[in-house]
C-alpha atoms as a PDB file:
ATOM      1  CA  MET A   1      20.853 -31.811 -10.756  1.00  0.00           C
ATOM      2  CA  LYS A   2      21.072 -27.937 -11.015  1.00  0.00           C
ATOM      3  CA  VAL A   3      19.508 -25.096  -9.490  1.00  0.00           C
ATOM      4  CA  TYR A   4      18.997 -21.907 -10.702  1.00  0.00           C
ATOM      5  CA  VAL A   5      18.145 -18.542  -8.090  1.00  0.00           C
ATOM      6  CA  VAL A   6      16.712 -16.280 -10.775  1.00  0.00           C
ATOM      7  CA  GLY A   7      16.155 -12.120  -9.873  1.00  0.00           C
ATOM      8  CA  LEU A   8      12.980 -11.247 -12.492  1.00  0.00           C
ATOM      9  CA  GLY A   9      13.912  -7.599 -11.629  1.00  0.00           C
ATOM     10  CA  PRO A  10      11.421  -4.742 -10.519  1.00  0.00           C
ATOM     11  CA  GLY A  11       8.561  -6.908 -12.132  1.00  0.00           C
ATOM     12  CA  GLY A  12       8.001  -5.925 -16.490  1.00  0.00           C
ATOM     13  CA  PHE A  13       9.328  -8.888 -18.441  1.00  0.00           C
ATOM     14  CA  GLU A  14      11.652  -6.270 -20.858  1.00  0.00           C
ATOM     15  CA  GLN A  15      12.812  -5.503 -17.212  1.00  0.00           C
ATOM     16  CA  MET A  16      14.521  -9.168 -17.420  1.00  0.00           C
ATOM     17  CA  THR A  17      17.626 -10.159 -17.819  1.00  0.00           C
ATOM     18  CA  GLN A  18      18.844 -12.085 -21.139  1.00  0.00           C
ATOM     19  CA  LYS A  19      20.170 -14.541 -18.716  1.00  0.00           C
ATOM     20  CA  ALA A  20      17.148 -14.609 -16.995  1.00  0.00           C
ATOM     21  CA  VAL A  21      14.868 -14.899 -20.088  1.00  0.00           C
ATOM     22  CA  ALA A  22      17.281 -18.200 -21.112  1.00  0.00           C
ATOM     23  CA  VAL A  23      17.839 -20.183 -17.505  1.00  0.00           C
ATOM     24  CA  LEU A  24      14.350 -20.174 -17.211  1.00  0.00           C
ATOM     25  CA  GLU A  25      13.041 -21.335 -21.208  1.00  0.00           C
ATOM     26  CA  GLU A  26      16.084 -23.815 -19.935  1.00  0.00           C
ATOM     27  CA  SER A  27      14.482 -25.464 -16.777  1.00  0.00           C
ATOM     28  CA  GLN A  28      12.115 -27.518 -16.517  1.00  0.00           C
ATOM     29  CA  VAL A  29      10.575 -26.609 -13.488  1.00  0.00           C
ATOM     30  CA  ILE A  30       9.811 -22.993 -12.205  1.00  0.00           C
ATOM     31  CA  ALA A  31       9.553 -22.662  -8.233  1.00  0.00           C
ATOM     32  CA  GLY A  32       8.500 -19.264  -6.486  1.00  0.00           C
ATOM     33  CA  TYR A  33       6.619 -17.188  -4.782  1.00  0.00           C
ATOM     34  CA  ASP A  34       2.548 -16.913  -5.644  1.00  0.00           C
ATOM     35  CA  VAL A  35       2.762 -13.565  -6.999  1.00  0.00           C
ATOM     36  CA  TYR A  36       5.826 -13.902  -8.667  1.00  0.00           C
ATOM     37  CA  ILE A  37       5.318 -16.804 -10.377  1.00  0.00           C
ATOM     38  CA  ASP A  38       2.209 -15.096 -11.531  1.00  0.00           C
ATOM     39  CA  LEU A  39       5.016 -12.551 -13.255  1.00  0.00           C
ATOM     40  CA  ILE A  40       5.847 -15.055 -15.718  1.00  0.00           C
ATOM     41  CA  ARG A  41       2.979 -17.665 -16.071  1.00  0.00           C
ATOM     42  CA  GLU A  42       1.987 -15.839 -19.381  1.00  0.00           C
ATOM     43  CA  LYS A  43       5.235 -15.844 -20.580  1.00  0.00           C
ATOM     44  CA  PHE A  44       6.035 -19.463 -19.158  1.00  0.00           C
ATOM     45  CA  SER A  45       2.857 -21.347 -19.334  1.00  0.00           C
ATOM     46  CA  HIS A  46       4.505 -24.537 -20.680  1.00  0.00           C
ATOM     47  CA  LYS A  47       6.312 -25.151 -18.332  1.00  0.00           C
ATOM     48  CA  THR A  48       5.872 -26.800 -15.023  1.00  0.00           C
ATOM     49  CA  LEU A  49       5.323 -23.856 -11.927  1.00  0.00           C
ATOM     50  CA  LEU A  50       5.188 -24.553  -8.394  1.00  0.00           C
ATOM     51  CA  SER A  51       4.275 -21.937  -5.638  1.00  0.00           C
ATOM     52  CA  THR A  52       4.010 -21.530  -2.045  1.00  0.00           C
ATOM     53  CA  PRO A  53       3.035 -18.326  -0.194  1.00  0.00           C
ATOM     54  CA  MET A  54       4.421 -16.461   1.638  1.00  0.00           C
ATOM     55  CA  LYS A  55       6.178 -17.156   5.276  1.00  0.00           C
ATOM     56  CA  LYS A  56       6.611 -20.732   3.364  1.00  0.00           C
ATOM     57  CA  GLU A  57      10.465 -20.254   1.696  1.00  0.00           C
ATOM     58  CA  VAL A  58      11.932 -22.981   3.411  1.00  0.00           C
ATOM     59  CA  ASP A  59       9.633 -25.082   1.736  1.00  0.00           C
ATOM     60  CA  ARG A  60       9.846 -23.651  -1.221  1.00  0.00           C
ATOM     61  CA  CYS A  61      13.645 -24.076  -1.621  1.00  0.00           C
ATOM     62  CA  HIS A  62      13.457 -28.073  -0.490  1.00  0.00           C
ATOM     63  CA  LEU A  63      10.549 -28.726  -3.330  1.00  0.00           C
ATOM     64  CA  ALA A  64      12.578 -26.693  -5.499  1.00  0.00           C
ATOM     65  CA  ILE A  65      16.152 -28.550  -4.557  1.00  0.00           C
ATOM     66  CA  GLN A  66      13.694 -32.467  -4.056  1.00  0.00           C
ATOM     67  CA  GLU A  67      12.929 -31.188  -7.848  1.00  0.00           C
ATOM     68  CA  ALA A  68      16.315 -31.116  -8.928  1.00  0.00           C
ATOM     69  CA  LEU A  69      17.142 -34.715  -7.470  1.00  0.00           C
ATOM     70  CA  LYS A  70      14.687 -35.894 -10.156  1.00  0.00           C
ATOM     71  CA  GLY A  71      16.789 -35.502 -12.735  1.00  0.00           C
ATOM     72  CA  GLN A  72      14.852 -31.740 -13.778  1.00  0.00           C
ATOM     73  CA  VAL A  73      16.485 -28.264 -14.360  1.00  0.00           C
ATOM     74  CA  VAL A  74      14.861 -26.239 -11.970  1.00  0.00           C
ATOM     75  CA  SER A  75      14.661 -22.312 -11.369  1.00  0.00           C
ATOM     76  CA  MET A  76      14.119 -20.695  -8.052  1.00  0.00           C
ATOM     77  CA  VAL A  77      12.562 -17.170  -8.892  1.00  0.00           C
ATOM     78  CA  CYS A  78      12.185 -14.042  -7.084  1.00  0.00           C
ATOM     79  CA  SER A  79      11.699 -10.813  -7.563  1.00  0.00           C
ATOM     80  CA  GLY A  80      14.196  -7.777  -7.953  1.00  0.00           C
ATOM     81  CA  ASP A  81      18.193  -9.489  -7.144  1.00  0.00           C
ATOM     82  CA  ALA A  82      18.302 -12.914  -5.740  1.00  0.00           C
ATOM     83  CA  GLY A  83      21.086 -11.790  -3.746  1.00  0.00           C
ATOM     84  CA  VAL A  84      19.580  -8.743  -2.411  1.00  0.00           C
ATOM     85  CA  TYR A  85      16.210  -9.690   0.384  1.00  0.00           C
ATOM     86  CA  GLY A  86      16.346 -12.492  -1.803  1.00  0.00           C
ATOM     87  CA  MET A  87      16.270 -16.446  -2.094  1.00  0.00           C
ATOM     88  CA  ALA A  88      20.209 -16.799  -2.638  1.00  0.00           C
ATOM     89  CA  GLY A  89      21.274 -17.266   1.022  1.00  0.00           C
ATOM     90  CA  LEU A  90      18.636 -19.827   1.901  1.00  0.00           C
ATOM     91  CA  MET A  91      19.100 -21.872  -0.896  1.00  0.00           C
ATOM     92  CA  TYR A  92      22.577 -22.845  -0.086  1.00  0.00           C
ATOM     93  CA  GLU A  93      21.819 -22.897   3.370  1.00  0.00           C
ATOM     94  CA  VAL A  94      18.952 -25.787   2.914  1.00  0.00           C
ATOM     95  CA  ALA A  95      20.833 -27.846   0.236  1.00  0.00           C
ATOM     96  CA  GLN A  96      23.488 -28.724   2.486  1.00  0.00           C
ATOM     97  CA  GLU A  97      21.012 -31.139   4.401  1.00  0.00           C
ATOM     98  CA  TYR A  98      21.230 -32.834   0.362  1.00  0.00           C
ATOM     99  CA  GLU A  99      23.551 -34.256  -1.982  1.00  0.00           C
ATOM    100  CA  PRO A 100      25.320 -31.750  -3.818  1.00  0.00           C
ATOM    101  CA  VAL A 101      23.260 -30.041  -5.877  1.00  0.00           C
ATOM    102  CA  GLU A 102      24.761 -27.307  -8.352  1.00  0.00           C
ATOM    103  CA  ILE A 103      23.543 -23.751  -7.624  1.00  0.00           C
ATOM    104  CA  GLU A 104      23.724 -21.069  -9.866  1.00  0.00           C
ATOM    105  CA  VAL A 105      22.514 -17.226  -9.018  1.00  0.00           C
ATOM    106  CA  VAL A 106      21.197 -15.685 -11.994  1.00  0.00           C
ATOM    107  CA  SER A 107      21.120 -11.712 -11.301  1.00  0.00           C
ATOM    108  CA  GLY A 108      18.468  -9.226 -11.642  1.00  0.00           C
ATOM    109  CA  ILE A 109      17.963  -5.435 -11.324  1.00  0.00           C
ATOM    110  CA  THR A 110      16.920  -4.449  -7.708  1.00  0.00           C
ATOM    111  CA  ALA A 111      14.347  -2.247  -7.025  1.00  0.00           C
ATOM    112  CA  ALA A 112      17.069   0.445  -5.275  1.00  0.00           C
ATOM    113  CA  CYS A 113      17.939   1.037  -9.023  1.00  0.00           C
ATOM    114  CA  SER A 114      15.016   0.547 -10.997  1.00  0.00           C
ATOM    115  CA  GLY A 115      13.467   2.603  -8.422  1.00  0.00           C
ATOM    116  CA  ALA A 116      16.234   5.477  -8.584  1.00  0.00           C
ATOM    117  CA  ALA A 117      15.913   5.397 -12.618  1.00  0.00           C
ATOM    118  CA  VAL A 118      12.474   6.697 -11.960  1.00  0.00           C
ATOM    119  CA  LEU A 119      13.121   9.729  -9.608  1.00  0.00           C
ATOM    120  CA  GLY A 120      16.139  10.654 -11.518  1.00  0.00           C
ATOM    121  CA  ALA A 121      20.017   9.928  -9.735  1.00  0.00           C
ATOM    122  CA  PRO A 122      19.109  10.085  -6.399  1.00  0.00           C
ATOM    123  CA  LEU A 123      22.114   7.275  -5.826  1.00  0.00           C
ATOM    124  CA  ILE A 124      25.172   8.709  -7.731  1.00  0.00           C
ATOM    125  CA  HIS A 125      27.310   8.608  -4.716  1.00  0.00           C
ATOM    126  CA  ASP A 126      27.013   6.398  -1.508  1.00  0.00           C
ATOM    127  CA  PHE A 127      23.866   4.604  -0.169  1.00  0.00           C
ATOM    128  CA  ALA A 128      22.860   2.491   2.128  1.00  0.00           C
ATOM    129  CA  VAL A 129      19.798   0.172   1.495  1.00  0.00           C
ATOM    130  CA  ILE A 130      18.131  -0.861   4.937  1.00  0.00           C
ATOM    131  CA  SER A 131      14.492  -2.908   5.055  1.00  0.00           C
ATOM    132  CA  LEU A 132      11.744  -2.065   7.633  1.00  0.00           C
ATOM    133  CA  SER A 133      10.231  -5.332   7.456  1.00  0.00           C
ATOM    134  CA  ASP A 134      10.862  -7.261  11.234  1.00  0.00           C
ATOM    135  CA  LEU A 135       9.635  -9.667  10.441  1.00  0.00           C
ATOM    136  CA  LEU A 136      13.068 -11.440  10.236  1.00  0.00           C
ATOM    137  CA  THR A 137      15.209  -8.902  11.495  1.00  0.00           C
ATOM    138  CA  PRO A 138      14.535  -7.231  14.685  1.00  0.00           C
ATOM    139  CA  TRP A 139      12.832  -3.474  14.948  1.00  0.00           C
ATOM    140  CA  GLU A 140      15.730  -2.992  17.141  1.00  0.00           C
ATOM    141  CA  LEU A 141      18.715  -3.448  15.287  1.00  0.00           C
ATOM    142  CA  ILE A 142      16.882  -1.614  12.175  1.00  0.00           C
ATOM    143  CA  GLU A 143      16.702   1.781  14.401  1.00  0.00           C
ATOM    144  CA  LYS A 144      20.357   1.212  15.311  1.00  0.00           C
ATOM    145  CA  ARG A 145      20.920   0.846  11.191  1.00  0.00           C
ATOM    146  CA  LEU A 146      19.181   3.710  10.123  1.00  0.00           C
ATOM    147  CA  ASP A 147      20.292   6.200  13.206  1.00  0.00           C
ATOM    148  CA  CYS A 148      24.501   4.401  12.407  1.00  0.00           C
ATOM    149  CA  ALA A 149      23.497   5.157   8.985  1.00  0.00           C
ATOM    150  CA  GLY A 150      22.356   8.803   9.535  1.00  0.00           C
ATOM    151  CA  ALA A 151      24.965   9.757  11.198  1.00  0.00           C
ATOM    152  CA  ALA A 152      27.227   9.089   8.680  1.00  0.00           C
ATOM    153  CA  ASP A 153      25.537  10.906   5.789  1.00  0.00           C
ATOM    154  CA  PHE A 154      24.502   7.903   3.704  1.00  0.00           C
ATOM    155  CA  VAL A 155      21.453   8.464   0.975  1.00  0.00           C
ATOM    156  CA  LEU A 156      19.494   5.519   2.241  1.00  0.00           C
ATOM    157  CA  CYS A 157      16.865   4.202   0.439  1.00  0.00           C
ATOM    158  CA  LEU A 158      14.270   1.789   2.451  1.00  0.00           C
ATOM    159  CA  TYR A 159      12.656  -1.557   1.138  1.00  0.00           C
ATOM    160  CA  ASN A 160       9.263  -2.752   2.835  1.00  0.00           C
ATOM    161  CA  PRO A 161       8.585   0.801   4.124  1.00  0.00           C
ATOM    162  CA  SER A 162       4.874   0.202   5.909  1.00  0.00           C
ATOM    163  CA  SER A 163       2.303  -2.479   6.062  1.00  0.00           C
ATOM    164  CA  LYS A 164      -1.130  -3.254   7.432  1.00  0.00           C
ATOM    165  CA  LYS A 165       0.674  -4.830  10.580  1.00  0.00           C
ATOM    166  CA  ARG A 166       3.370  -2.033  10.500  1.00  0.00           C
ATOM    167  CA  HIS A 167       2.217   1.080   9.319  1.00  0.00           C
ATOM    168  CA  ASP A 168       3.688   3.692  11.306  1.00  0.00           C
ATOM    169  CA  TYR A 169       7.050   2.330  10.762  1.00  0.00           C
ATOM    170  CA  LEU A 170       8.128   4.804   7.652  1.00  0.00           C
ATOM    171  CA  GLN A 171       7.113   7.510  10.291  1.00  0.00           C
ATOM    172  CA  LYS A 172       9.689   6.131  12.696  1.00  0.00           C
ATOM    173  CA  ALA A 173      12.211   5.534  10.664  1.00  0.00           C
ATOM    174  CA  CYS A 174      12.089   9.345   9.358  1.00  0.00           C
ATOM    175  CA  ASP A 175      12.129  11.141  12.512  1.00  0.00           C
ATOM    176  CA  ILE A 176      15.777   8.789  13.386  1.00  0.00           C
ATOM    177  CA  ILE A 177      16.976  10.152  10.482  1.00  0.00           C
ATOM    178  CA  LEU A 178      15.719  13.292  10.826  1.00  0.00           C
ATOM    179  CA  ARG A 179      17.811  13.604  14.401  1.00  0.00           C
ATOM    180  CA  HIS A 180      20.381  13.971  11.811  1.00  0.00           C
ATOM    181  CA  ARG A 181      18.889  15.565   8.536  1.00  0.00           C
ATOM    182  CA  ASP A 182      16.961  19.030   8.082  1.00  0.00           C
ATOM    183  CA  PRO A 183      13.418  18.601   7.048  1.00  0.00           C
ATOM    184  CA  ASN A 184      13.766  19.881   3.988  1.00  0.00           C
ATOM    185  CA  THR A 185      16.281  17.226   2.735  1.00  0.00           C
ATOM    186  CA  VAL A 186      14.817  15.489  -0.900  1.00  0.00           C
ATOM    187  CA  ALA A 187      13.878  12.529  -0.613  1.00  0.00           C
ATOM    188  CA  GLY A 188      11.216  10.504  -2.996  1.00  0.00           C
ATOM    189  CA  PHE A 189       9.539   7.070  -2.745  1.00  0.00           C
ATOM    190  CA  VAL A 190       8.262   5.300  -6.621  1.00  0.00           C
ATOM    191  CA  GLN A 191       5.005   2.718  -6.094  1.00  0.00           C
ATOM    192  CA  ASN A 192       4.905  -0.586  -8.328  1.00  0.00           C
ATOM    193  CA  ILE A 193       8.221  -0.239 -10.053  1.00  0.00           C
ATOM    194  CA  GLY A 194       8.068  -1.593 -13.195  1.00  0.00           C
ATOM    195  CA  ARG A 195       4.576  -2.561 -13.851  1.00  0.00           C
ATOM    196  CA  ASP A 196       1.341  -0.679 -13.667  1.00  0.00           C
ATOM    197  CA  GLY A 197       0.461   2.198 -12.192  1.00  0.00           C
ATOM    198  CA  GLU A 198       4.597   2.963 -11.454  1.00  0.00           C
ATOM    199  CA  LYS A 199       4.709   5.914 -10.474  1.00  0.00           C
ATOM    200  CA  GLY A 200       7.686   8.718  -8.464  1.00  0.00           C
ATOM    201  CA  THR A 201       7.101  11.047  -6.324  1.00  0.00           C
ATOM    202  CA  ILE A 202       9.551  13.797  -5.206  1.00  0.00           C
ATOM    203  CA  VAL A 203       8.910  15.046  -1.532  1.00  0.00           C
ATOM    204  CA  SER A 204      10.825  17.008   2.025  1.00  0.00           C
ATOM    205  CA  LEU A 205      11.529  14.287   4.586  1.00  0.00           C
ATOM    206  CA  GLN A 206       9.117  16.002   6.563  1.00  0.00           C
ATOM    207  CA  GLU A 207       6.407  15.517   4.804  1.00  0.00           C
ATOM    208  CA  LEU A 208       7.738  11.727   3.232  1.00  0.00           C
ATOM    209  CA  ARG A 209       7.134  11.191   7.044  1.00  0.00           C
ATOM    210  CA  ASP A 210       4.091  12.213   7.189  1.00  0.00           C
ATOM    211  CA  THR A 211       3.147  10.372   3.839  1.00  0.00           C
ATOM    212  CA  GLN A 212       1.000   6.438   4.115  1.00  0.00           C
ATOM    213  CA  VAL A 213       2.483   4.235   1.673  1.00  0.00           C
ATOM    214  CA  ASP A 214       2.357   0.299   1.037  1.00  0.00           C
ATOM    215  CA  MET A 215       4.592  -2.784   0.361  1.00  0.00           C
ATOM    216  CA  PHE A 216       5.501  -1.780  -3.195  1.00  0.00           C
ATOM    217  CA  THR A 217       6.814   0.911  -2.511  1.00  0.00           C
ATOM    218  CA  THR A 218      10.461   1.998  -1.825  1.00  0.00           C
ATOM    219  CA  VAL A 219      11.419   4.690  -0.319  1.00  0.00           C
ATOM    220  CA  TYR A 220      14.685   7.217  -0.372  1.00  0.00           C
ATOM    221  CA  ILE A 221      16.176   9.812   1.422  1.00  0.00           C
ATOM    222  CA  GLY A 222      18.656  12.429   0.098  1.00  0.00           C
ATOM    223  CA  ASN A 223      22.080  12.948   1.899  1.00  0.00           C
ATOM    224  CA  SER A 224      22.945  16.520   2.930  1.00  0.00           C
ATOM    225  CA  MET A 225      23.626  16.617  -0.813  1.00  0.00           C
ATOM    226  CA  THR A 226      20.599  15.741  -2.650  1.00  0.00           C
ATOM    227  CA  LYS A 227      19.097  18.371  -4.707  1.00  0.00           C
ATOM    228  CA  GLU A 228      15.574  18.495  -6.777  1.00  0.00           C
ATOM    229  CA  ILE A 229      16.820  19.249 -10.290  1.00  0.00           C
ATOM    230  CA  ALA A 230      14.325  19.868 -13.017  1.00  0.00           C
ATOM    231  CA  GLY A 231      11.884  17.515 -10.888  1.00  0.00           C
ATOM    232  CA  LYS A 232      14.356  14.703 -10.768  1.00  0.00           C
ATOM    233  CA  MET A 233      16.038  13.717  -7.377  1.00  0.00           C
ATOM    234  CA  VAL A 234      19.726  14.644  -8.291  1.00  0.00           C
ATOM    235  CA  THR A 235      22.712  13.440  -4.717  1.00  0.00           C
ATOM    236  CA  PRO A 236      26.541  14.759  -6.763  1.00  0.00           C
ATOM    237  CA  ARG A 237      29.406  12.921  -6.884  1.00  0.00           C
ATOM    238  CA  GLY A 238      31.450  15.805  -6.596  1.00  0.00           C
ATOM    239  CA  TYR A 239      33.001  16.672  -9.481  1.00  0.00           C
ATOM    240  CA  ARG A 240      33.759  19.828 -10.812  1.00  0.00           C
ATOM    241  CA  LEU A 241      31.945  21.898 -12.818  1.00  0.00           C
END
């Protein structure tokens, strides 16, 4: 009895790892969030595909484990990396309610890395990844993490920067970082990473504050050393030239 928890990468089939593809081919059942199942439906239509909507993550884990207990090889799919804001941790937690089931996590390319490649090389030095979604984390804690990361001069990668209910959260985040950074600090954002409409844009931190983005956007804020080189966002590591 086995459940794989598989990171699909940023969205394009060609950006999945060879291991992820092999595991999905091995699996008899593939479960996941509706949107992620749709990303692979064409390639794996010969499999049993099970999906649940957003906010049904726990139900999704139960569904996958129950299929495994029937003797099926099951994969739970996530976008990006299954261990970065993905389903890997929850799967281990839910599995405690059942007889032992083997779980194997198959890593993928997370948005922080795939989006950085579009912008250039913003994550060459120390960086922090913070989600602005307060669905599972209190906003007060998110504010504290932003303030500490800003004070420590980390390059920042922001997931889930905005939604209809959180339209001003990126603005709030930028205001916190502006306590510690020059308004001209190099920043950028990437839309639809690895999918149709992929686009990277470089702006200043002040310009970023006044930019409207959506949930399909990943945001980058440089540190005090980050610069723009030939239209790309680059954070020097410190090598002597």
